[in-house]
PDB file of all heavy atoms in Angstrom:
ATOM      1  N   PRO A   1      47.448-135.340 -75.672  1.00  0.00           N
ATOM      2  CA  PRO A   1      47.867-136.743 -75.783  1.00  0.00           C
ATOM      3  C   PRO A   1      46.737-137.701 -75.440  1.00  0.00           C
ATOM      4  O   PRO A   1      45.839-137.376 -74.661  1.00  0.00           O
ATOM      5  CB  PRO A   1      49.006-136.838 -74.747  1.00  0.00           C
ATOM      6  CG  PRO A   1      48.722-135.744 -73.766  1.00  0.00           C
ATOM      7  CD  PRO A   1      48.107-134.635 -74.570  1.00  0.00           C
ATOM      8  N   SER A   2      46.793-138.876 -76.063  1.00  0.00           N
ATOM      9  CA  SER A   2      45.770-139.894 -75.797  1.00  0.00           C
ATOM     10  C   SER A   2      45.921-140.402 -74.365  1.00  0.00           C
ATOM     11  O   SER A   2      47.037-140.645 -73.887  1.00  0.00           O
ATOM     12  CB  SER A   2      45.920-141.046 -76.797  1.00  0.00           C
ATOM     13  OG  SER A   2      44.976-142.057 -76.541  1.00  0.00           O
ATOM     14  N   ARG A   3      44.790-140.544 -73.674  1.00  0.00           N
ATOM     15  CA  ARG A   3      44.810-140.942 -72.264  1.00  0.00           C
ATOM     16  C   ARG A   3      44.118-142.299 -72.111  1.00  0.00           C
ATOM     17  O   ARG A   3      43.072-142.540 -72.698  1.00  0.00           O
ATOM     18  CB  ARG A   3      44.112-139.884 -71.409  1.00  0.00           C
ATOM     19  CG  ARG A   3      44.243-140.106 -69.919  1.00  0.00           C
ATOM     20  CD  ARG A   3      43.640-138.946 -69.134  1.00  0.00           C
ATOM     21  NE  ARG A   3      44.410-137.730 -69.340  1.00  0.00           N
ATOM     22  CZ  ARG A   3      44.004-136.708 -70.080  1.00  0.00           C
ATOM     23  NH1 ARG A   3      42.835-136.757 -70.687  1.00  0.00           N
ATOM     24  NH2 ARG A   3      44.751-135.640 -70.222  1.00  0.00           N
ATOM     25  N   ILE A   4      44.702-143.190 -71.307  1.00  0.00           N
ATOM     26  CA  ILE A   4      44.140-144.516 -71.108  1.00  0.00           C
ATOM     27  C   ILE A   4      42.812-144.405 -70.378  1.00  0.00           C
ATOM     28  O   ILE A   4      42.643-143.575 -69.476  1.00  0.00           O
ATOM     29  CB  ILE A   4      45.138-145.411 -70.324  1.00  0.00           C
ATOM     30  CG1 ILE A   4      44.640-146.858 -70.287  1.00  0.00           C
ATOM     31  CG2 ILE A   4      45.346-144.878 -68.918  1.00  0.00           C
ATOM     32  CD1 ILE A   4      45.668-147.830 -69.738  1.00  0.00           C
ATOM     33  N   THR A   5      41.840-145.221 -70.764  1.00  0.00           N
ATOM     34  CA  THR A   5      40.529-145.197 -70.134  1.00  0.00           C
ATOM     35  C   THR A   5      40.502-146.147 -68.937  1.00  0.00           C
ATOM     36  O   THR A   5      41.395-146.984 -68.763  1.00  0.00           O
ATOM     37  CB  THR A   5      39.430-145.615 -71.126  1.00  0.00           C
ATOM     38  OG1 THR A   5      39.655-146.978 -71.534  1.00  0.00           O
ATOM     39  CG2 THR A   5      39.441-144.716 -72.356  1.00  0.00           C
ATOM     40  N   ASN A   6      39.481-146.018 -68.109  1.00  0.00           N
ATOM     41  CA  ASN A   6      39.350-146.887 -66.935  1.00  0.00           C
ATOM     42  C   ASN A   6      39.195-148.349 -67.329  1.00  0.00           C
ATOM     43  O   ASN A   6      39.709-149.240 -66.656  1.00  0.00           O
ATOM     44  CB  ASN A   6      38.154-146.436 -66.089  1.00  0.00           C
ATOM     45  CG  ASN A   6      38.387-145.107 -65.405  1.00  0.00           C
ATOM     46  OD1 ASN A   6      39.513-144.762 -65.074  1.00  0.00           O
ATOM     47  ND2 ASN A   6      37.331-144.342 -65.199  1.00  0.00           N
ATOM     48  N   ALA A   7      38.451-148.616 -68.411  1.00  0.00           N
ATOM     49  CA  ALA A   7      38.268-149.995 -68.855  1.00  0.00           C
ATOM     50  C   ALA A   7      39.593-150.598 -69.320  1.00  0.00           C
ATOM     51  O   ALA A   7      39.894-151.772 -69.049  1.00  0.00           O
ATOM     52  CB  ALA A   7      37.225-150.051 -69.977  1.00  0.00           C
ATOM     53  N   GLU A   8      40.379-149.808 -70.034  1.00  0.00           N
ATOM     54  CA  GLU A   8      41.688-150.300 -70.477  1.00  0.00           C
ATOM     55  C   GLU A   8      42.586-150.577 -69.280  1.00  0.00           C
ATOM     56  O   GLU A   8      43.331-151.576 -69.258  1.00  0.00           O
ATOM     57  CB  GLU A   8      42.343-149.278 -71.404  1.00  0.00           C
ATOM     58  CG  GLU A   8      41.679-149.176 -72.772  1.00  0.00           C
ATOM     59  CD  GLU A   8      42.276-148.076 -73.619  1.00  0.00           C
ATOM     60  OE1 GLU A   8      42.361-146.930 -73.129  1.00  0.00           O
ATOM     61  OE2 GLU A   8      42.653-148.353 -74.775  1.00  0.00           O
ATOM     62  N   LEU A   9      42.537-149.711 -68.286  1.00  0.00           N
ATOM     63  CA  LEU A   9      43.345-149.920 -67.083  1.00  0.00           C
ATOM     64  C   LEU A   9      42.902-151.178 -66.341  1.00  0.00           C
ATOM     65  O   LEU A   9      43.734-151.955 -65.863  1.00  0.00           O
ATOM     66  CB  LEU A   9      43.236-148.695 -66.180  1.00  0.00           C
ATOM     67  CG  LEU A   9      44.148-148.676 -64.944  1.00  0.00           C
ATOM     68  CD1 LEU A   9      45.614-148.736 -65.365  1.00  0.00           C
ATOM     69  CD2 LEU A   9      43.895-147.422 -64.112  1.00  0.00           C
ATOM     70  N   LEU A  10      41.577-151.392 -66.255  1.00  0.00           N
ATOM     71  CA  LEU A  10      41.062-152.601 -65.617  1.00  0.00           C
ATOM     72  C   LEU A  10      41.529-153.840 -66.367  1.00  0.00           C
ATOM     73  O   LEU A  10      41.939-154.830 -65.756  1.00  0.00           O
ATOM     74  CB  LEU A  10      39.527-152.552 -65.583  1.00  0.00           C
ATOM     75  CG  LEU A  10      38.825-153.812 -65.074  1.00  0.00           C
ATOM     76  CD1 LEU A  10      39.238-154.132 -63.645  1.00  0.00           C
ATOM     77  CD2 LEU A  10      37.308-153.660 -65.179  1.00  0.00           C
ATOM     78  N   GLY A  11      41.455-153.790 -67.699  1.00  0.00           N
ATOM     79  CA  GLY A  11      41.923-154.926 -68.498  1.00  0.00           C
ATOM     80  C   GLY A  11      43.396-155.214 -68.272  1.00  0.00           C
ATOM     81  O   GLY A  11      43.810-156.386 -68.181  1.00  0.00           O
ATOM     82  N   GLN A  12      44.212-154.166 -68.159  1.00  0.00           N
ATOM     83  CA  GLN A  12      45.636-154.349 -67.904  1.00  0.00           C
ATOM     84  C   GLN A  12      45.865-154.995 -66.542  1.00  0.00           C
ATOM     85  O   GLN A  12      46.692-155.899 -66.400  1.00  0.00           O
ATOM     86  CB  GLN A  12      46.345-153.001 -67.978  1.00  0.00           C
ATOM     87  CG  GLN A  12      47.867-153.080 -67.819  1.00  0.00           C
ATOM     88  CD  GLN A  12      48.508-153.886 -68.924  1.00  0.00           C
ATOM     89  OE1 GLN A  12      48.280-153.626 -70.098  1.00  0.00           O
ATOM     90  NE2 GLN A  12      49.296-154.889 -68.551  1.00  0.00           N
ATOM     91  N   TYR A  13      45.120-154.545 -65.525  1.00  0.00           N
ATOM     92  CA  TYR A  13      45.241-155.136 -64.188  1.00  0.00           C
ATOM     93  C   TYR A  13      44.867-156.618 -64.211  1.00  0.00           C
ATOM     94  O   TYR A  13      45.523-157.447 -63.568  1.00  0.00           O
ATOM     95  CB  TYR A  13      44.342-154.394 -63.196  1.00  0.00           C
ATOM     96  CG  TYR A  13      44.859-153.033 -62.781  1.00  0.00           C
ATOM     97  CD1 TYR A  13      44.037-152.143 -62.092  1.00  0.00           C
ATOM     98  CD2 TYR A  13      46.156-152.633 -63.064  1.00  0.00           C
ATOM     99  CE1 TYR A  13      44.501-150.889 -61.706  1.00  0.00           C
ATOM    100  CE2 TYR A  13      46.627-151.391 -62.678  1.00  0.00           C
ATOM    101  CZ  TYR A  13      45.799-150.519 -62.007  1.00  0.00           C
ATOM    102  OH  TYR A  13      46.250-149.282 -61.625  1.00  0.00           O
ATOM    103  N   MET A  14      43.794-156.953 -64.923  1.00  0.00           N
ATOM    104  CA  MET A  14      43.363-158.354 -65.000  1.00  0.00           C
ATOM    105  C   MET A  14      44.436-159.224 -65.645  1.00  0.00           C
ATOM    106  O   MET A  14      44.728-160.325 -65.164  1.00  0.00           O
ATOM    107  CB  MET A  14      42.054-158.451 -65.784  1.00  0.00           C
ATOM    108  CG  MET A  14      40.838-157.942 -65.044  1.00  0.00           C
ATOM    109  SD  MET A  14      39.324-158.163 -66.022  1.00  0.00           S
ATOM    110  CE  MET A  14      38.083-157.711 -64.815  1.00  0.00           C
ATOM    111  N   GLN A  15      45.011-158.737 -66.717  1.00  0.00           N
ATOM    112  CA  GLN A  15      46.029-159.531 -67.401  1.00  0.00           C
ATOM    113  C   GLN A  15      47.303-159.645 -66.576  1.00  0.00           C
ATOM    114  O   GLN A  15      47.965-160.688 -66.578  1.00  0.00           O
ATOM    115  CB  GLN A  15      46.306-158.926 -68.772  1.00  0.00           C
ATOM    116  CG  GLN A  15      45.122-159.044 -69.725  1.00  0.00           C
ATOM    117  CD  GLN A  15      45.395-158.470 -71.094  1.00  0.00           C
ATOM    118  OE1 GLN A  15      46.205-157.559 -71.241  1.00  0.00           O
ATOM    119  NE2 GLN A  15      44.717-158.987 -72.104  1.00  0.00           N
ATOM    120  N   ASP A  16      47.645-158.571 -65.851  1.00  0.00           N
ATOM    121  CA  ASP A  16      48.810-158.655 -64.961  1.00  0.00           C
ATOM    122  C   ASP A  16      48.546-159.635 -63.819  1.00  0.00           C
ATOM    123  O   ASP A  16      49.446-160.382 -63.407  1.00  0.00           O
ATOM    124  CB  ASP A  16      49.133-157.267 -64.390  1.00  0.00           C
ATOM    125  CG  ASP A  16      49.667-156.315 -65.454  1.00  0.00           C
ATOM    126  OD1 ASP A  16      50.069-156.800 -66.539  1.00  0.00           O
ATOM    127  OD2 ASP A  16      49.669-155.088 -65.208  1.00  0.00           O
ATOM    128  N   ALA A  17      47.317-159.638 -63.292  1.00  0.00           N
ATOM    129  CA  ALA A  17      46.971-160.577 -62.224  1.00  0.00           C
ATOM    130  C   ALA A  17      47.050-162.017 -62.719  1.00  0.00           C
ATOM    131  O   ALA A  17      47.472-162.917 -61.984  1.00  0.00           O
ATOM    132  CB  ALA A  17      45.573-160.269 -61.700  1.00  0.00           C
ATOM    133  N   ALA A  18      46.641-162.237 -63.977  1.00  0.00           N
ATOM    134  CA  ALA A  18      46.672-163.592 -64.537  1.00  0.00           C
ATOM    135  C   ALA A  18      48.103-164.139 -64.583  1.00  0.00           C
ATOM    136  O   ALA A  18      48.324-165.336 -64.385  1.00  0.00           O
ATOM    137  CB  ALA A  18      46.068-163.581 -65.942  1.00  0.00           C
ATOM    138  N   LYS A  19      49.065-163.253 -64.828  1.00  0.00           N
ATOM    139  CA  LYS A  19      50.459-163.706 -64.846  1.00  0.00           C
ATOM    140  C   LYS A  19      50.889-164.177 -63.465  1.00  0.00           C
ATOM    141  O   LYS A  19      51.672-165.125 -63.341  1.00  0.00           O
ATOM    142  CB  LYS A  19      51.361-162.567 -65.321  1.00  0.00           C
ATOM    143  CG  LYS A  19      51.104-162.130 -66.755  1.00  0.00           C
ATOM    144  CD  LYS A  19      51.973-160.939 -67.133  1.00  0.00           C
ATOM    145  CE  LYS A  19      51.645-160.436 -68.537  1.00  0.00           C
ATOM    146  NZ  LYS A  19      52.459-159.234 -68.898  1.00  0.00           N
ATOM    147  N   GLU A  20      50.379-163.504 -62.412  1.00  0.00           N
ATOM    148  CA  GLU A  20      50.722-163.892 -61.047  1.00  0.00           C
ATOM    149  C   GLU A  20      50.026-165.191 -60.643  1.00  0.00           C
ATOM    150  O   GLU A  20      50.618-166.043 -59.980  1.00  0.00           O
ATOM    151  CB  GLU A  20      50.332-162.765 -60.080  1.00  0.00           C
ATOM    152  CG  GLU A  20      51.079-161.458 -60.278  1.00  0.00           C
ATOM    153  CD  GLU A  20      52.537-161.553 -59.857  1.00  0.00           C
ATOM    154  OE1 GLU A  20      52.856-162.410 -58.993  1.00  0.00           O
ATOM    155  OE2 GLU A  20      53.355-160.776 -60.394  1.00  0.00           O
ATOM    156  N   PHE A  21      48.750-165.327 -61.016  1.00  0.00           N
ATOM    157  CA  PHE A  21      47.988-166.510 -60.618  1.00  0.00           C
ATOM    158  C   PHE A  21      48.318-167.729 -61.468  1.00  0.00           C
ATOM    159  O   PHE A  21      48.067-168.860 -61.066  1.00  0.00           O
ATOM    160  CB  PHE A  21      46.482-166.227 -60.719  1.00  0.00           C
ATOM    161  CG  PHE A  21      46.021-165.104 -59.841  1.00  0.00           C
ATOM    162  CD1 PHE A  21      44.970-164.292 -60.216  1.00  0.00           C
ATOM    163  CD2 PHE A  21      46.645-164.840 -58.630  1.00  0.00           C
ATOM    164  CE1 PHE A  21      44.538-163.250 -59.411  1.00  0.00           C
ATOM    165  CE2 PHE A  21      46.227-163.803 -57.820  1.00  0.00           C
ATOM    166  CZ  PHE A  21      45.175-162.998 -58.213  1.00  0.00           C
ATOM    167  N   GLY A  22      48.835-167.493 -62.657  1.00  0.00           N
ATOM    168  CA  GLY A  22      49.123-168.588 -63.577  1.00  0.00           C
ATOM    169  C   GLY A  22      48.145-168.583 -64.738  1.00  0.00           C
ATOM    170  O   GLY A  22      46.942-168.774 -64.533  1.00  0.00           O
ATOM    171  N   ALA A  23      48.673-168.338 -65.937  1.00  0.00           N
ATOM    172  CA  ALA A  23      47.801-168.257 -67.110  1.00  0.00           C
ATOM    173  C   ALA A  23      47.144-169.588 -67.427  1.00  0.00           C
ATOM    174  O   ALA A  23      46.125-169.626 -68.122  1.00  0.00           O
ATOM    175  CB  ALA A  23      48.590-167.757 -68.322  1.00  0.00           C
ATOM    176  N   GLY A  24      47.713-170.692 -66.936  1.00  0.00           N
ATOM    177  CA  GLY A  24      47.147-172.000 -67.221  1.00  0.00           C
ATOM    178  C   GLY A  24      46.033-172.411 -66.286  1.00  0.00           C
ATOM    179  O   GLY A  24      45.336-173.396 -66.546  1.00  0.00           O
ATOM    180  N   THR A  25      45.821-171.658 -65.201  1.00  0.00           N
ATOM    181  CA  THR A  25      44.739-171.984 -64.275  1.00  0.00           C
ATOM    182  C   THR A  25      43.412-171.488 -64.833  1.00  0.00           C
ATOM    183  O   THR A  25      43.390-170.559 -65.655  1.00  0.00           O
ATOM    184  CB  THR A  25      44.988-171.343 -62.898  1.00  0.00           C
ATOM    185  OG1 THR A  25      44.966-169.910 -63.049  1.00  0.00           O
ATOM    186  CG2 THR A  25      46.350-171.766 -62.348  1.00  0.00           C
ATOM    187  N   PRO A  26      42.285-172.084 -64.387  1.00  0.00           N
ATOM    188  CA  PRO A  26      40.977-171.613 -64.880  1.00  0.00           C
ATOM    189  C   PRO A  26      40.761-170.122 -64.622  1.00  0.00           C
ATOM    190  O   PRO A  26      40.294-169.400 -65.497  1.00  0.00           O
ATOM    191  CB  PRO A  26      39.975-172.477 -64.104  1.00  0.00           C
ATOM    192  CG  PRO A  26      40.725-173.720 -63.769  1.00  0.00           C
ATOM    193  CD  PRO A  26      42.134-173.286 -63.530  1.00  0.00           C
ATOM    194  N   TYR A  27      41.130-169.680 -63.418  1.00  0.00           N
ATOM    195  CA  TYR A  27      40.921-168.265 -63.079  1.00  0.00           C
ATOM    196  C   TYR A  27      41.843-167.364 -63.904  1.00  0.00           C
ATOM    197  O   TYR A  27      41.428-166.336 -64.442  1.00  0.00           O
ATOM    198  CB  TYR A  27      41.178-168.067 -61.588  1.00  0.00           C
ATOM    199  CG  TYR A  27      40.878-166.681 -61.079  1.00  0.00           C
ATOM    200  CD1 TYR A  27      39.835-165.922 -61.609  1.00  0.00           C
ATOM    201  CD2 TYR A  27      41.645-166.112 -60.054  1.00  0.00           C
ATOM    202  CE1 TYR A  27      39.550-164.647 -61.133  1.00  0.00           C
ATOM    203  CE2 TYR A  27      41.368-164.830 -59.576  1.00  0.00           C
ATOM    204  CZ  TYR A  27      40.317-164.110 -60.129  1.00  0.00           C
ATOM    205  OH  TYR A  27      40.049-162.852 -59.667  1.00  0.00           O
ATOM    206  N   GLY A  28      43.111-167.790 -64.027  1.00  0.00           N
ATOM    207  CA  GLY A  28      44.074-166.982 -64.767  1.00  0.00           C
ATOM    208  C   GLY A  28      43.720-166.846 -66.236  1.00  0.00           C
ATOM    209  O   GLY A  28      43.782-165.751 -66.811  1.00  0.00           O
ATOM    210  N   SER A  29      43.337-167.952 -66.864  1.00  0.00           N
ATOM    211  CA  SER A  29      42.994-167.897 -68.291  1.00  0.00           C
ATOM    212  C   SER A  29      41.749-167.046 -68.527  1.00  0.00           C
ATOM    213  O   SER A  29      41.652-166.318 -69.525  1.00  0.00           O
ATOM    214  CB  SER A  29      42.774-169.316 -68.830  1.00  0.00           C
ATOM    215  OG  SER A  29      41.679-169.945 -68.158  1.00  0.00           O
ATOM    216  N   THR A  30      40.792-167.112 -67.582  1.00  0.00           N
ATOM    217  CA  THR A  30      39.584-166.293 -67.720  1.00  0.00           C
ATOM    218  C   THR A  30      39.912-164.818 -67.530  1.00  0.00           C
ATOM    219  O   THR A  30      39.369-163.950 -68.222  1.00  0.00           O
ATOM    220  CB  THR A  30      38.528-166.730 -66.701  1.00  0.00           C
ATOM    221  OG1 THR A  30      38.251-168.129 -66.872  1.00  0.00           O
ATOM    222  CG2 THR A  30      37.223-165.955 -66.898  1.00  0.00           C
ATOM    223  N   LEU A  31      40.812-164.510 -66.588  1.00  0.00           N
ATOM    224  CA  LEU A  31      41.235-163.125 -66.409  1.00  0.00           C
ATOM    225  C   LEU A  31      41.869-162.575 -67.681  1.00  0.00           C
ATOM    226  O   LEU A  31      41.642-161.411 -68.049  1.00  0.00           O
ATOM    227  CB  LEU A  31      42.231-163.026 -65.246  1.00  0.00           C
ATOM    228  CG  LEU A  31      41.650-162.973 -63.831  1.00  0.00           C
ATOM    229  CD1 LEU A  31      42.765-163.057 -62.801  1.00  0.00           C
ATOM    230  CD2 LEU A  31      40.824-161.705 -63.625  1.00  0.00           C
ATOM    231  N   ILE A  32      42.654-163.381 -68.352  1.00  0.00           N
ATOM    232  CA  ILE A  32      43.280-162.932 -69.597  1.00  0.00           C
ATOM    233  C   ILE A  32      42.219-162.614 -70.641  1.00  0.00           C
ATOM    234  O   ILE A  32      42.263-161.577 -71.310  1.00  0.00           O
ATOM    235  CB  ILE A  32      44.260-164.007 -70.122  1.00  0.00           C
ATOM    236  CG1 ILE A  32      45.463-164.114 -69.188  1.00  0.00           C
ATOM    237  CG2 ILE A  32      44.702-163.681 -71.541  1.00  0.00           C
ATOM    238  CD1 ILE A  32      46.440-165.202 -69.565  1.00  0.00           C
ATOM    239  N   THR A  33      41.240-163.514 -70.756  1.00  0.00           N
ATOM    240  CA  THR A  33      40.178-163.305 -71.758  1.00  0.00           C
ATOM    241  C   THR A  33      39.358-162.058 -71.443  1.00  0.00           C
ATOM    242  O   THR A  33      39.151-161.198 -72.306  1.00  0.00           O
ATOM    243  CB  THR A  33      39.254-164.532 -71.802  1.00  0.00           C
ATOM    244  OG1 THR A  33      40.023-165.697 -72.130  1.00  0.00           O
ATOM    245  CG2 THR A  33      38.152-164.352 -72.837  1.00  0.00           C
ATOM    246  N   VAL A  34      38.886-161.964 -70.191  1.00  0.00           N
ATOM    247  CA  VAL A  34      38.062-160.813 -69.813  1.00  0.00           C
ATOM    248  C   VAL A  34      38.880-159.525 -69.906  1.00  0.00           C
ATOM    249  O   VAL A  34      38.374-158.482 -70.350  1.00  0.00           O
ATOM    250  CB  VAL A  34      37.496-160.994 -68.392  1.00  0.00           C
ATOM    251  CG1 VAL A  34      36.713-159.761 -67.958  1.00  0.00           C
ATOM    252  CG2 VAL A  34      36.592-162.229 -68.338  1.00  0.00           C
TER     253      VAL A  34
END
């Protein structure tokens, strides 16, 4: 089976964090992009 990579997991964590911090904030929107 296909296994998630570390970079994909990091990206998922960043996007989940952005939801907590607020996607409309400078930090949150940048986390979503990165």
